[in-house]
């Protein structure tokens, strides 16, 4: 959903092969050079994922946007993002348009008005964490 460069996808394919996953499409994807990656990954990735039984989400699809939001929620819960960073990225990517993340966009707005509102940063963080748990639990 735009978070990974093509070369990152090739590196992930290599890591998957080393970890024991294997398919013809995964091998072809892992064999891409950095120069080829920007041109070939978009065409090779869907087939490689299908061979592995994984879902490929078209970039502009609502299902893809929701999957990306859930992945960000899991990253926040793993400590890779702060609650503030998480809401900012969700709000920046989806605005108030994606029903699944509407509450997170609202919470991002609340961070911007903490000095004028009646909530503390810790209270907003707690709401964001609860929302992230809700998203991450829905598979």
C-alpha atoms as a PDB file:
ATOM      1  CA  UNK A   1       0.000   0.000   0.000  1.00  0.00           C
ATOM      2  CA  UNK A   2       2.915   2.264  -0.690  1.00  0.00           C
ATOM      3  CA  UNK A   3       4.956   1.659   2.459  1.00  0.00           C
ATOM      4  CA  UNK A   4       7.553  -0.594   0.849  1.00  0.00           C
ATOM      5  CA  UNK A   5       9.897   0.118  -2.024  1.00  0.00           C
ATOM      6  CA  UNK A   6      10.207  -2.459  -4.789  1.00  0.00           C
ATOM      7  CA  UNK A   7      13.682  -3.387  -3.543  1.00  0.00           C
ATOM      8  CA  UNK A   8      12.165  -4.077  -0.093  1.00  0.00           C
ATOM      9  CA  UNK A   9       9.772  -6.550  -1.729  1.00  0.00           C
ATOM     10  CA  UNK A  10      12.685  -8.313  -3.447  1.00  0.00           C
ATOM     11  CA  UNK A  11      14.550  -8.472  -0.122  1.00  0.00           C
ATOM     12  CA  UNK A  12      11.454  -9.910   1.568  1.00  0.00           C
ATOM     13  CA  UNK A  13      11.210 -12.544  -1.171  1.00  0.00           C
ATOM     14  CA  UNK A  14      14.833 -13.501  -0.519  1.00  0.00           C
ATOM     15  CA  UNK A  15      14.153 -13.688   3.225  1.00  0.00           C
ATOM     16  CA  UNK A  16      11.120 -15.895   2.551  1.00  0.00           C
ATOM     17  CA  UNK A  17      13.216 -18.309   0.491  1.00  0.00           C
ATOM     18  CA  UNK A  18      15.860 -18.471   3.218  1.00  0.00           C
ATOM     19  CA  UNK A  19      13.092 -19.139   5.769  1.00  0.00           C
ATOM     20  CA  UNK A  20      11.931 -22.144   3.751  1.00  0.00           C
ATOM     21  CA  UNK A  21       9.056 -20.796   1.678  1.00  0.00           C
ATOM     22  CA  UNK A  22       9.331 -21.666  -1.985  1.00  0.00           C
ATOM     23  CA  UNK A  23       7.430 -21.255  -5.221  1.00  0.00           C
ATOM     24  CA  UNK A  24       8.414 -20.495  -8.795  1.00  0.00           C
ATOM     25  CA  UNK A  25       7.041 -16.954  -8.579  1.00  0.00           C
ATOM     26  CA  UNK A  26       8.829 -16.298  -5.297  1.00  0.00           C
ATOM     27  CA  UNK A  27      12.135 -17.416  -6.838  1.00  0.00           C
ATOM     28  CA  UNK A  28      11.627 -15.132  -9.845  1.00  0.00           C
ATOM     29  CA  UNK A  29      10.750 -12.227  -7.543  1.00  0.00           C
ATOM     30  CA  UNK A  30      13.803 -12.852  -5.355  1.00  0.00           C
ATOM     31  CA  UNK A  31      16.039 -12.934  -8.430  1.00  0.00           C
ATOM     32  CA  UNK A  32      15.172  -9.378  -9.484  1.00  0.00           C
ATOM     33  CA  UNK A  33      18.050  -6.936  -9.426  1.00  0.00           C
ATOM     34  CA  UNK A  34      17.550  -3.512  -7.856  1.00  0.00           C
ATOM     35  CA  UNK A  35      17.359  -2.019 -11.337  1.00  0.00           C
ATOM     36  CA  UNK A  36      14.676  -4.493 -12.394  1.00  0.00           C
ATOM     37  CA  UNK A  37      12.691  -4.286  -9.158  1.00  0.00           C
ATOM     38  CA  UNK A  38      11.013  -0.940  -9.853  1.00  0.00           C
ATOM     39  CA  UNK A  39       9.730  -2.250 -13.174  1.00  0.00           C
ATOM     40  CA  UNK A  40       9.014  -5.927 -12.464  1.00  0.00           C
ATOM     41  CA  UNK A  41       7.782  -6.234  -8.882  1.00  0.00           C
ATOM     42  CA  UNK A  42       4.290  -4.925  -9.640  1.00  0.00           C
ATOM     43  CA  UNK A  43       3.770  -7.647 -12.238  1.00  0.00           C
ATOM     44  CA  UNK A  44       5.479 -10.471 -10.313  1.00  0.00           C
ATOM     45  CA  UNK A  45       4.120  -9.935  -6.806  1.00  0.00           C
ATOM     46  CA  UNK A  46       0.475 -10.995  -7.343  1.00  0.00           C
ATOM     47  CA  UNK A  47       1.463 -14.384  -8.797  1.00  0.00           C
ATOM     48  CA  UNK A  48       4.085 -15.040  -6.111  1.00  0.00           C
ATOM     49  CA  UNK A  49       1.567 -14.283  -3.362  1.00  0.00           C
ATOM     50  CA  UNK A  50      -1.094 -16.464  -4.986  1.00  0.00           C
ATOM     51  CA  UNK A  51       1.323 -19.398  -5.213  1.00  0.00           C
ATOM     52  CA  UNK A  52       1.962 -19.042  -1.472  1.00  0.00           C
ATOM     53  CA  UNK A  53      -1.752 -18.857  -0.672  1.00  0.00           C
ATOM     54  CA  UNK A  54      -1.532 -15.203   0.331  1.00  0.00           C
ATOM     55  CA  UNK A  55      -3.909 -12.432  -0.638  1.00  0.00           C
ATOM     56  CA  UNK A  56      -2.869  -9.660  -2.991  1.00  0.00           C
ATOM     57  CA  UNK A  57      -4.796  -6.435  -2.525  1.00  0.00           C
ATOM     58  CA  UNK A  58      -4.888  -3.965  -5.415  1.00  0.00           C
ATOM     59  CA  UNK A  59      -3.458  -0.645  -4.245  1.00  0.00           C
ATOM     60  CA  UNK A  60      -6.641   1.403  -4.559  1.00  0.00           C
ATOM     61  CA  UNK A  61      -8.999  -1.244  -3.148  1.00  0.00           C
ATOM     62  CA  UNK A  62     -10.884  -0.693   0.090  1.00  0.00           C
ATOM     63  CA  UNK A  63      -9.868  -4.190   1.223  1.00  0.00           C
ATOM     64  CA  UNK A  64      -6.235  -3.255   0.649  1.00  0.00           C
ATOM     65  CA  UNK A  65      -6.607  -0.018   2.573  1.00  0.00           C
ATOM     66  CA  UNK A  66      -8.206  -1.888   5.465  1.00  0.00           C
ATOM     67  CA  UNK A  67      -5.466  -4.541   5.451  1.00  0.00           C
ATOM     68  CA  UNK A  68      -2.830  -1.794   5.499  1.00  0.00           C
ATOM     69  CA  UNK A  69      -4.571  -0.093   8.433  1.00  0.00           C
ATOM     70  CA  UNK A  70      -4.629  -3.375  10.348  1.00  0.00           C
ATOM     71  CA  UNK A  71      -0.941  -3.918   9.602  1.00  0.00           C
ATOM     72  CA  UNK A  72      -0.149  -0.435  10.951  1.00  0.00           C
ATOM     73  CA  UNK A  73      -2.209  -1.210  14.053  1.00  0.00           C
ATOM     74  CA  UNK A  74      -0.152  -4.351  14.666  1.00  0.00           C
ATOM     75  CA  UNK A  75       3.053  -2.336  14.204  1.00  0.00           C
ATOM     76  CA  UNK A  76       1.872   0.207  16.760  1.00  0.00           C
ATOM     77  CA  UNK A  77       0.970  -2.533  19.240  1.00  0.00           C
ATOM     78  CA  UNK A  78       4.428  -4.061  18.706  1.00  0.00           C
ATOM     79  CA  UNK A  79       6.009  -0.734  19.676  1.00  0.00           C
ATOM     80  CA  UNK A  80       7.241   0.235  16.207  1.00  0.00           C
ATOM     81  CA  UNK A  81       5.022   3.360  16.169  1.00  0.00           C
ATOM     82  CA  UNK A  82       3.777   5.616  18.924  1.00  0.00           C
ATOM     83  CA  UNK A  83       0.015   6.092  19.155  1.00  0.00           C
ATOM     84  CA  UNK A  84       0.472   9.623  17.803  1.00  0.00           C
ATOM     85  CA  UNK A  85       2.527   8.431  14.826  1.00  0.00           C
ATOM     86  CA  UNK A  86      -0.041   5.718  14.135  1.00  0.00           C
ATOM     87  CA  UNK A  87      -3.011   8.102  14.040  1.00  0.00           C
ATOM     88  CA  UNK A  88      -1.065  10.613  11.965  1.00  0.00           C
ATOM     89  CA  UNK A  89      -0.217   7.994   9.337  1.00  0.00           C
ATOM     90  CA  UNK A  90      -3.782   6.675   9.244  1.00  0.00           C
ATOM     91  CA  UNK A  91      -5.223  10.188   8.984  1.00  0.00           C
ATOM     92  CA  UNK A  92      -2.697  11.201   6.330  1.00  0.00           C
ATOM     93  CA  UNK A  93      -3.352   8.084   4.238  1.00  0.00           C
ATOM     94  CA  UNK A  94      -7.147   7.783   4.582  1.00  0.00           C
ATOM     95  CA  UNK A  95      -8.400  11.091   5.935  1.00  0.00           C
ATOM     96  CA  UNK A  96     -11.934  10.666   7.219  1.00  0.00           C
ATOM     97  CA  UNK A  97     -12.948   8.615   4.167  1.00  0.00           C
ATOM     98  CA  UNK A  98     -12.362   5.023   5.330  1.00  0.00           C
ATOM     99  CA  UNK A  99     -15.088   3.916   7.734  1.00  0.00           C
ATOM    100  CA  UNK A 100     -12.796   1.427   9.458  1.00  0.00           C
ATOM    101  CA  UNK A 101     -10.349   4.157  10.495  1.00  0.00           C
ATOM    102  CA  UNK A 102     -12.693   7.117  11.002  1.00  0.00           C
ATOM    103  CA  UNK A 103     -12.280   7.043  14.789  1.00  0.00           C
ATOM    104  CA  UNK A 104      -8.492   7.089  14.427  1.00  0.00           C
ATOM    105  CA  UNK A 105      -8.704  10.157  12.188  1.00  0.00           C
ATOM    106  CA  UNK A 106     -10.842  11.823  14.862  1.00  0.00           C
ATOM    107  CA  UNK A 107      -8.282  10.897  17.519  1.00  0.00           C
ATOM    108  CA  UNK A 108      -5.519  12.398  15.372  1.00  0.00           C
ATOM    109  CA  UNK A 109      -7.531  15.613  15.354  1.00  0.00           C
ATOM    110  CA  UNK A 110      -7.781  15.389  19.153  1.00  0.00           C
ATOM    111  CA  UNK A 111      -3.974  15.243  19.434  1.00  0.00           C
ATOM    112  CA  UNK A 112      -3.882  18.526  17.531  1.00  0.00           C
ATOM    113  CA  UNK A 113      -6.216  20.190  20.038  1.00  0.00           C
ATOM    114  CA  UNK A 114      -4.934  18.780  23.340  1.00  0.00           C
ATOM    115  CA  UNK A 115      -4.134  22.197  24.758  1.00  0.00           C
ATOM    116  CA  UNK A 116      -7.704  23.357  24.114  1.00  0.00           C
ATOM    117  CA  UNK A 117      -9.597  20.163  24.899  1.00  0.00           C
ATOM    118  CA  UNK A 118     -10.496  18.307  28.053  1.00  0.00           C
ATOM    119  CA  UNK A 119      -8.389  15.175  27.421  1.00  0.00           C
ATOM    120  CA  UNK A 120      -4.759  14.483  28.198  1.00  0.00           C
ATOM    121  CA  UNK A 121      -2.296  12.914  25.784  1.00  0.00           C
ATOM    122  CA  UNK A 122      -2.346   9.762  27.926  1.00  0.00           C
ATOM    123  CA  UNK A 123      -6.127   9.516  27.579  1.00  0.00           C
ATOM    124  CA  UNK A 124      -5.957   9.883  23.800  1.00  0.00           C
ATOM    125  CA  UNK A 125      -3.085   7.371  23.697  1.00  0.00           C
ATOM    126  CA  UNK A 126      -5.273   4.892  25.611  1.00  0.00           C
ATOM    127  CA  UNK A 127      -8.148   5.362  23.149  1.00  0.00           C
ATOM    128  CA  UNK A 128      -5.786   4.929  20.201  1.00  0.00           C
ATOM    129  CA  UNK A 129      -4.374   1.742  21.731  1.00  0.00           C
ATOM    130  CA  UNK A 130      -7.876   0.344  22.241  1.00  0.00           C
ATOM    131  CA  UNK A 131      -8.752   1.185  18.649  1.00  0.00           C
ATOM    132  CA  UNK A 132      -5.522  -0.435  17.424  1.00  0.00           C
ATOM    133  CA  UNK A 133      -6.371  -3.597  19.359  1.00  0.00           C
ATOM    134  CA  UNK A 134      -9.817  -3.641  17.750  1.00  0.00           C
ATOM    135  CA  UNK A 135      -8.302  -3.322  14.290  1.00  0.00           C
ATOM    136  CA  UNK A 136      -5.560  -5.889  14.897  1.00  0.00           C
ATOM    137  CA  UNK A 137      -8.010  -8.442  16.288  1.00  0.00           C
ATOM    138  CA  UNK A 138     -10.159  -8.361  13.144  1.00  0.00           C
ATOM    139  CA  UNK A 139      -8.526 -10.624  10.579  1.00  0.00           C
END
